Each structure stands twice: as C-alpha cells, then as structure tokens.
Protein backbone atom coordinates (compact mmCIF):
# COMPACT_ATOMS: atom_id res chain seq x y z
CA MET A 1 48.77 -2.10 -61.43
CA THR A 2 50.17 -3.05 -58.04
CA SER A 3 52.89 -5.63 -57.94
CA ILE A 4 53.11 -8.11 -55.11
CA ARG A 5 56.52 -9.21 -53.97
CA ILE A 6 56.57 -12.80 -52.92
CA GLN A 7 59.28 -13.68 -50.44
CA PRO A 8 59.95 -17.08 -48.92
CA VAL A 9 58.85 -17.48 -45.32
CA LYS A 10 61.95 -17.96 -43.20
CA SER A 11 60.76 -19.00 -39.78
CA VAL A 12 60.20 -22.19 -37.84
CA SER A 13 56.51 -22.01 -38.80
CA ALA A 14 57.49 -22.68 -42.42
CA TRP A 15 58.20 -26.38 -42.63
CA ILE A 16 57.92 -29.10 -45.23
CA GLY A 17 56.62 -32.49 -44.17
CA CYS A 18 59.37 -34.59 -45.72
CA GLU A 19 62.02 -32.42 -44.06
CA ILE A 20 60.47 -32.38 -40.61
CA ALA A 21 59.68 -36.11 -40.71
CA SER A 22 63.37 -36.91 -40.36
CA ARG A 23 63.64 -34.83 -37.15
CA ARG A 24 62.16 -35.54 -33.75
CA ASP A 25 62.37 -32.13 -32.09
CA TRP A 26 58.59 -31.84 -32.48
CA VAL A 27 57.93 -35.07 -30.51
CA HIS A 28 57.76 -35.01 -26.71
CA VAL A 29 57.85 -38.42 -25.05
CA LEU A 30 56.34 -38.15 -21.59
CA SER A 31 58.61 -39.29 -18.79
CA THR A 32 57.32 -41.49 -15.98
CA ALA A 33 57.42 -38.46 -13.67
CA GLU A 34 55.39 -36.38 -16.15
CA ILE A 35 52.79 -39.13 -16.48
CA GLU A 36 52.53 -39.41 -12.70
CA ASP A 37 52.14 -35.62 -12.51
CA LEU A 38 49.35 -35.80 -15.09
CA ASP A 39 47.65 -38.62 -13.18
CA ARG A 40 47.76 -36.51 -9.98
CA ALA A 41 46.28 -33.53 -11.79
CA VAL A 42 43.46 -35.65 -13.24
CA ALA A 43 42.72 -37.16 -9.82
CA HIS A 44 42.59 -33.70 -8.28
CA ALA A 45 40.29 -32.40 -11.03
CA ARG A 46 37.95 -35.36 -10.55
CA SER A 47 37.93 -34.82 -6.79
CA THR A 48 36.44 -31.36 -7.27
CA GLY A 49 33.22 -32.94 -8.54
CA LYS A 50 32.91 -30.17 -11.14
CA PRO A 51 31.66 -30.90 -14.65
CA LEU A 52 34.43 -30.84 -17.26
CA GLY A 53 33.26 -27.51 -18.67
CA GLU A 54 33.58 -25.81 -15.28
CA LEU A 55 37.13 -26.89 -14.49
CA THR A 56 39.74 -24.16 -14.35
CA ARG A 57 43.52 -24.15 -14.35
CA ASP A 58 43.46 -24.17 -10.54
CA ASP A 59 41.46 -27.42 -10.61
CA PHE A 60 44.17 -29.10 -12.69
CA PRO A 61 47.45 -28.42 -10.88
CA LEU A 62 50.52 -29.43 -12.82
CA GLY A 63 53.95 -29.62 -11.25
CA LEU A 64 56.75 -30.97 -13.40
CA LEU A 65 54.56 -31.17 -16.51
CA ALA A 66 53.84 -27.43 -16.37
CA ARG A 67 57.32 -26.66 -17.74
CA SER A 68 56.82 -28.97 -20.71
CA ALA A 69 53.33 -27.59 -21.31
CA ALA A 70 54.77 -24.07 -21.42
CA ASP A 71 57.25 -25.22 -24.08
CA TRP A 72 54.40 -26.79 -26.07
CA LEU A 73 52.41 -23.57 -25.90
CA ASP A 74 55.43 -21.64 -27.17
CA ALA A 75 55.82 -24.10 -30.07
CA LEU A 76 52.12 -23.69 -30.91
CA ASP A 77 52.05 -19.89 -30.62
CA SER A 78 55.37 -18.87 -32.11
CA GLY A 79 57.00 -22.04 -33.37
CA ARG A 80 56.16 -24.71 -35.90
CA GLY A 81 52.50 -24.79 -34.81
CA PHE A 82 52.29 -28.36 -33.57
CA VAL A 83 53.73 -30.80 -31.04
CA LEU A 84 53.24 -34.55 -30.77
CA VAL A 85 52.98 -35.67 -27.14
CA ARG A 86 53.11 -39.38 -26.51
CA PRO A 87 53.77 -41.77 -23.64
CA SER A 88 57.03 -43.62 -23.39
CA PRO A 89 57.12 -46.82 -25.50
CA SER A 90 56.79 -49.02 -22.40
CA ARG A 91 53.69 -47.08 -21.24
CA GLN A 92 52.28 -47.07 -24.74
CA SER A 93 52.42 -50.86 -24.98
CA ARG A 94 50.44 -51.17 -21.74
CA ALA A 95 47.88 -48.55 -22.79
CA GLY A 96 45.65 -51.06 -24.54
CA ARG A 97 45.10 -52.88 -21.27
CA ARG A 98 43.96 -49.82 -19.32
CA PRO A 99 40.78 -48.03 -20.42
CA GLY A 100 41.29 -44.29 -20.57
CA ARG A 101 44.92 -44.56 -21.70
CA GLY A 102 44.75 -44.46 -25.47
CA SER A 103 42.23 -47.26 -25.78
CA ARG A 104 38.49 -47.58 -26.11
CA ARG A 105 36.24 -49.78 -24.09
CA ARG A 106 34.47 -52.27 -26.27
C-alpha cells in the first residue's frame, strides 16, 4: 500500500479567513489619480465604438493604474489568489448618486 505524506502548505496562497480578516494587505483603495486614470481608459475604450467583446488591451490604455493592476495580477497568479479593489471612502459615498459607479439604475 502506498502511503501519502501530508505536509502543511506554507505559502501566501494558504490562508485562513479569520487570520486574513485582521489584515488589509489584500485591499487596494483606489486613489483619486487611479480613478481618473480608469475614467480616461473607459472614455478611450468607448470612443473606439467597438463592442465590448472586441476591445483589446490597446483600446483600454492605463497609465498610473497599470502598475497597481500588475501587482493585482501577481497576487492572483502567485499570491493569495484574490484582491479587493475599492474606491476611496469619499468616492464610495458618492457612488450611489452616479449610475455606473457601484449603483444600479432603478
């Protein structure tokens, strides 16, 4: 009979909810500059007139936000496997008043 050795996983991808809940290194709060960069990229993508499914990376040019997005990709691929991205608290409180920013039209 073959025996299987079970070893604990010792990497950042092995986390326990109650332990990670007390940390905030997995939360990225968008700065005003990052939000403005995202708005510019969305405006550029819309200006192409392409359907969503035909947009490419070149149609969605990121400046400042590209560095953060690269960090998020690294966290997804070889880190804990998730990242929470949210607007700053002041932007978040205004989101309900602007359709398309975390709110639904009724």
